[in-house]
């Protein structure tokens, strides 16, 4: 009976030892794997592309002054016709031109009329909305011809700037995202090589916002599109 008890105890002890050894191995292996999974590198990939605007919005602001409202409206109509005639003679069509209602300011509401040369100031706006970007860009440099027609242009008026717009972003998004992701991977591979590691799978990826801005202040019709993607990769030994 005593030998049988010793044998049973020995078997139980060996079983416990083997169980603890296996548990230790599993825990150690899990720890190493978990440690490997925690090793990541985060990199950014940049993609840039120059494109030409495909829509242009050009408000032409002008001013008429006087003391007689009837004559003010006559002058506005004459200037409207002169501006439209100028645009059409250069290749802009009627369906690309919009004439806004004039805004008339009565200065008598703000002070003594005896100190004012003109009582009324009328501001008119003719807007060109067109896909003829190159043509409009050229005409913006020829707008001085209207000054020779005695038209008082408000070139410094807020909102009178020319707006060049690019609306075909969706057509270039896939290729730019591909380029940004490729650049990010190249950076990650270089980092892995320098750290004697191997680049693993992607842990996380974040596509940045697409930004469209003028290439420079002298060529607003040329746009620069930019996107930055952030990618996290696993690293292994």
Protein backbone atom coordinates (compact mmCIF):
# COMPACT_ATOMS: atom_id res chain seq x y z
CA UNK A 1 0.00 0.00 0.00
CA UNK A 2 2.87 2.32 0.86
CA UNK A 3 4.57 1.70 -2.49
CA UNK A 4 1.30 2.28 -4.27
CA UNK A 5 0.88 5.63 -2.52
CA UNK A 6 4.41 6.66 -3.39
CA UNK A 7 3.80 5.76 -7.04
CA UNK A 8 0.59 7.75 -7.12
CA UNK A 9 2.32 10.76 -5.56
CA UNK A 10 5.14 10.55 -8.07
CA UNK A 11 2.75 10.45 -10.99
CA UNK A 12 0.80 13.38 -9.57
CA UNK A 13 4.02 15.38 -9.07
CA UNK A 14 5.23 14.69 -12.59
CA UNK A 15 1.82 15.66 -13.99
CA UNK A 16 1.85 18.92 -12.07
CA UNK A 17 5.41 19.66 -13.24
CA UNK A 18 4.54 18.95 -16.86
CA UNK A 19 1.38 21.04 -16.59
CA UNK A 20 3.21 24.01 -15.12
CA UNK A 21 5.95 23.70 -17.73
CA UNK A 22 3.41 23.66 -20.54
CA UNK A 23 1.58 26.60 -19.04
CA UNK A 24 4.84 28.52 -18.69
CA UNK A 25 5.73 27.80 -22.31
CA UNK A 26 2.32 28.89 -23.56
CA UNK A 27 2.38 32.06 -21.47
CA UNK A 28 5.92 32.86 -22.59
CA UNK A 29 5.11 32.19 -26.23
CA UNK A 30 1.95 34.30 -25.98
CA UNK A 31 3.97 37.08 -24.38
CA UNK A 32 6.52 37.03 -27.20
CA UNK A 33 3.81 37.02 -29.85
CA UNK A 34 2.00 39.83 -28.07
CA UNK A 35 5.23 41.77 -27.89
CA UNK A 36 5.76 41.29 -31.62
CA UNK A 37 2.23 42.48 -32.36
CA UNK A 38 2.91 45.61 -30.34
CA UNK A 39 5.87 46.51 -32.49
CA UNK A 40 4.57 48.89 -35.13
CA UNK A 41 5.84 51.75 -37.24
CA UNK A 42 3.65 54.68 -38.27
CA UNK A 43 4.57 56.46 -41.50
CA UNK A 44 3.09 59.10 -43.78
CA UNK A 45 2.89 59.01 -47.56
CA UNK A 46 2.49 62.14 -49.66
CA UNK A 47 0.94 62.51 -53.11
CA UNK A 48 0.79 65.78 -55.05
CA UNK A 49 -0.57 66.58 -58.49
CA UNK A 50 -0.94 69.74 -60.56
CA UNK A 51 -4.22 70.21 -62.41
CA UNK A 52 -5.89 73.01 -64.33
CA UNK A 53 -9.15 74.52 -63.08
CA UNK A 54 -12.12 73.55 -65.24
CA UNK A 55 -14.59 76.22 -64.06
CA UNK A 56 -14.12 79.96 -63.65
CA UNK A 57 -16.34 82.43 -61.82
CA UNK A 58 -15.59 86.06 -62.65
CA UNK A 59 -17.67 88.87 -61.11
CA UNK A 60 -17.12 92.24 -62.82
CA UNK A 61 -18.09 95.02 -60.42
CA UNK A 62 -18.55 98.62 -61.52
CA UNK A 63 -19.87 101.85 -60.05
CA UNK A 64 -22.07 104.72 -61.21
CA UNK A 65 -22.56 107.95 -59.24
CA UNK A 66 -24.99 110.86 -59.61
CA UNK A 67 -27.75 112.91 -58.09
CA UNK A 68 -30.63 111.76 -60.29
CA UNK A 69 -31.95 108.22 -59.97
CA UNK A 70 -33.33 108.10 -63.50
CA UNK A 71 -29.96 109.05 -64.95
CA UNK A 72 -28.28 106.56 -62.61
CA UNK A 73 -30.35 103.70 -64.05
CA UNK A 74 -29.69 104.89 -67.61
CA UNK A 75 -25.94 104.90 -66.92
CA UNK A 76 -26.12 101.44 -65.36
CA UNK A 77 -27.90 100.07 -68.43
CA UNK A 78 -25.33 101.64 -70.78
CA UNK A 79 -22.41 100.23 -68.78
CA UNK A 80 -24.08 96.81 -68.67
CA UNK A 81 -24.36 96.81 -72.44
CA UNK A 82 -20.76 97.93 -72.87
CA UNK A 83 -19.44 95.20 -70.59
CA UNK A 84 -21.59 92.49 -72.20
CA UNK A 85 -20.52 93.71 -75.64
CA UNK A 86 -16.87 93.50 -74.58
CA UNK A 87 -17.30 89.96 -73.28
CA UNK A 88 -19.18 88.69 -76.33
CA UNK A 89 -16.64 90.24 -78.68
CA UNK A 90 -13.94 88.22 -76.92
CA UNK A 91 -15.76 84.88 -77.14
CA UNK A 92 -17.98 84.73 -74.03
CA UNK A 93 -21.56 83.70 -74.86
CA UNK A 94 -24.80 85.09 -73.42
CA UNK A 95 -25.57 81.94 -71.47
CA UNK A 96 -22.27 82.40 -69.61
CA UNK A 97 -23.19 85.93 -68.48
CA UNK A 98 -25.43 86.91 -65.57
CA UNK A 99 -26.50 90.48 -64.77
CA UNK A 100 -27.31 91.12 -61.11
CA UNK A 101 -29.68 93.79 -59.82
CA UNK A 102 -27.78 96.98 -58.87
CA UNK A 103 -27.29 98.04 -55.28
CA UNK A 104 -27.97 101.75 -54.78
CA UNK A 105 -26.79 103.68 -51.75
CA UNK A 106 -28.36 107.03 -50.80
CA UNK A 107 -25.66 109.02 -49.05
CA UNK A 108 -28.24 111.60 -47.90
CA UNK A 109 -29.14 109.12 -45.17
CA UNK A 110 -25.69 109.47 -43.61
CA UNK A 111 -24.84 113.16 -43.62
CA UNK A 112 -25.20 116.72 -44.88
CA UNK A 113 -25.89 116.78 -48.63
CA UNK A 114 -24.15 120.12 -48.95
CA UNK A 115 -20.85 118.37 -48.29
CA UNK A 116 -21.43 115.63 -50.85
CA UNK A 117 -20.63 115.77 -54.55
CA UNK A 118 -22.99 112.90 -55.40
CA UNK A 119 -26.05 111.71 -53.53
CA UNK A 120 -26.34 108.24 -55.07
CA UNK A 121 -23.77 105.48 -55.53
CA UNK A 122 -24.91 102.52 -57.62
CA UNK A 123 -22.89 99.28 -57.72
CA UNK A 124 -23.54 96.84 -60.55
CA UNK A 125 -22.21 93.31 -61.09
CA UNK A 126 -21.96 91.19 -64.22
CA UNK A 127 -20.80 87.64 -63.58
CA UNK A 128 -19.14 85.26 -66.00
CA UNK A 129 -19.52 81.55 -65.21
CA UNK A 130 -17.68 79.51 -67.80
CA UNK A 131 -15.55 76.49 -68.61
CA UNK A 132 -13.33 78.67 -70.85
CA UNK A 133 -10.69 79.04 -68.17
CA UNK A 134 -7.81 80.09 -70.42
CA UNK A 135 -9.94 82.66 -72.23
CA UNK A 136 -11.22 84.26 -69.03
CA UNK A 137 -7.72 84.31 -67.56
CA UNK A 138 -6.62 86.22 -70.66
CA UNK A 139 -9.58 88.62 -70.45
CA UNK A 140 -8.87 89.51 -66.83
CA UNK A 141 -5.67 91.10 -68.10
CA UNK A 142 -7.55 92.98 -70.82
CA UNK A 143 -10.30 94.38 -68.61
CA UNK A 144 -8.60 97.77 -68.78
CA UNK A 145 -10.23 98.28 -72.16
CA UNK A 146 -13.48 98.95 -70.31
CA UNK A 147 -11.88 101.83 -68.43
CA UNK A 148 -11.36 103.53 -71.80
CA UNK A 149 -15.15 103.32 -72.18
CA UNK A 150 -15.52 105.45 -69.01
CA UNK A 151 -16.62 102.50 -66.89
CA UNK A 152 -15.58 102.82 -63.25
CA UNK A 153 -14.50 99.27 -62.34
CA UNK A 154 -14.42 98.28 -58.67
CA UNK A 155 -11.32 96.13 -58.95
CA UNK A 156 -10.76 96.28 -55.19
CA UNK A 157 -14.36 95.45 -54.32
CA UNK A 158 -14.73 92.55 -51.89
CA UNK A 159 -15.90 89.50 -53.86
CA UNK A 160 -14.70 90.90 -57.20
CA UNK A 161 -11.81 88.43 -57.40
CA UNK A 162 -11.80 85.69 -60.02
CA UNK A 163 -12.49 82.22 -58.62
CA UNK A 164 -10.91 79.30 -60.49
CA UNK A 165 -12.50 76.00 -59.50
CA UNK A 166 -11.48 72.37 -60.00
CA UNK A 167 -14.44 69.97 -59.88
CA UNK A 168 -12.93 66.70 -61.15
CA UNK A 169 -11.28 65.54 -57.93
CA UNK A 170 -13.01 62.14 -57.97
CA UNK A 171 -11.29 61.24 -61.24
CA UNK A 172 -7.80 61.54 -59.72
CA UNK A 173 -8.47 60.33 -56.18
CA UNK A 174 -7.73 56.59 -56.75
CA UNK A 175 -4.33 57.17 -58.38
CA UNK A 176 -3.31 59.72 -55.75
CA UNK A 177 -4.28 57.42 -52.88
CA UNK A 178 -2.27 54.63 -54.54
CA UNK A 179 0.75 56.92 -54.83
CA UNK A 180 0.47 58.09 -51.21
CA UNK A 181 0.19 54.50 -49.94
CA UNK A 182 3.16 53.40 -52.05
CA UNK A 183 5.27 56.25 -50.70
CA UNK A 184 4.28 55.34 -47.14
CA UNK A 185 5.33 51.72 -47.66
CA UNK A 186 8.70 52.77 -49.09
CA UNK A 187 9.36 54.83 -45.97
CA UNK A 188 8.27 51.96 -43.72
CA UNK A 189 10.48 49.46 -45.56
CA UNK A 190 13.47 51.76 -45.14
CA UNK A 191 12.74 52.08 -41.42
CA UNK A 192 12.39 48.31 -41.05
CA UNK A 193 15.66 47.70 -42.87
CA UNK A 194 17.53 50.24 -40.74
CA UNK A 195 16.17 48.64 -37.55
CA UNK A 196 17.00 45.06 -38.68
CA UNK A 197 13.30 44.21 -38.76
CA UNK A 198 10.89 42.83 -41.32
CA UNK A 199 7.88 44.82 -42.41
CA UNK A 200 4.61 43.02 -41.70
CA UNK A 201 0.98 43.60 -42.54
CA UNK A 202 -0.90 46.87 -42.20
CA UNK A 203 -2.30 47.43 -38.72
CA UNK A 204 -4.16 50.63 -39.46
CA UNK A 205 -4.48 53.11 -42.32
CA UNK A 206 -5.92 56.60 -42.45
CA UNK A 207 -6.56 58.52 -45.66
CA UNK A 208 -5.97 62.21 -45.17
CA UNK A 209 -8.11 65.03 -46.50
CA UNK A 210 -7.59 66.17 -50.07
CA UNK A 211 -6.45 69.79 -50.23
CA UNK A 212 -6.77 71.93 -53.35
CA UNK A 213 -4.93 75.24 -53.46
CA UNK A 214 -3.42 77.62 -55.99
CA UNK A 215 -0.01 76.56 -57.22
CA UNK A 216 1.15 80.15 -56.78
CA UNK A 217 -0.30 83.65 -56.58
CA UNK A 218 0.44 84.43 -60.22
CA UNK A 219 -1.29 81.38 -61.71
CA UNK A 220 -4.55 80.83 -59.80
CA UNK A 221 -5.93 78.74 -62.68
CA UNK A 222 -3.30 76.07 -61.94
CA UNK A 223 -4.16 74.06 -58.84
CA UNK A 224 -2.07 71.83 -56.63
CA UNK A 225 -3.91 68.83 -55.18
CA UNK A 226 -2.36 67.25 -52.09
CA UNK A 227 -3.17 64.29 -49.85
CA UNK A 228 -1.27 62.64 -46.99
CA UNK A 229 -2.03 59.06 -45.94
CA UNK A 230 -0.98 57.67 -42.54
CA UNK A 231 -0.26 53.92 -42.37
CA UNK A 232 0.77 51.71 -39.45
CA UNK A 233 2.69 48.51 -40.18
CA UNK A 234 3.61 45.60 -37.91
CA UNK A 235 7.32 44.90 -37.46
CA UNK A 236 8.85 41.45 -36.89
CA UNK A 237 12.38 40.26 -36.27
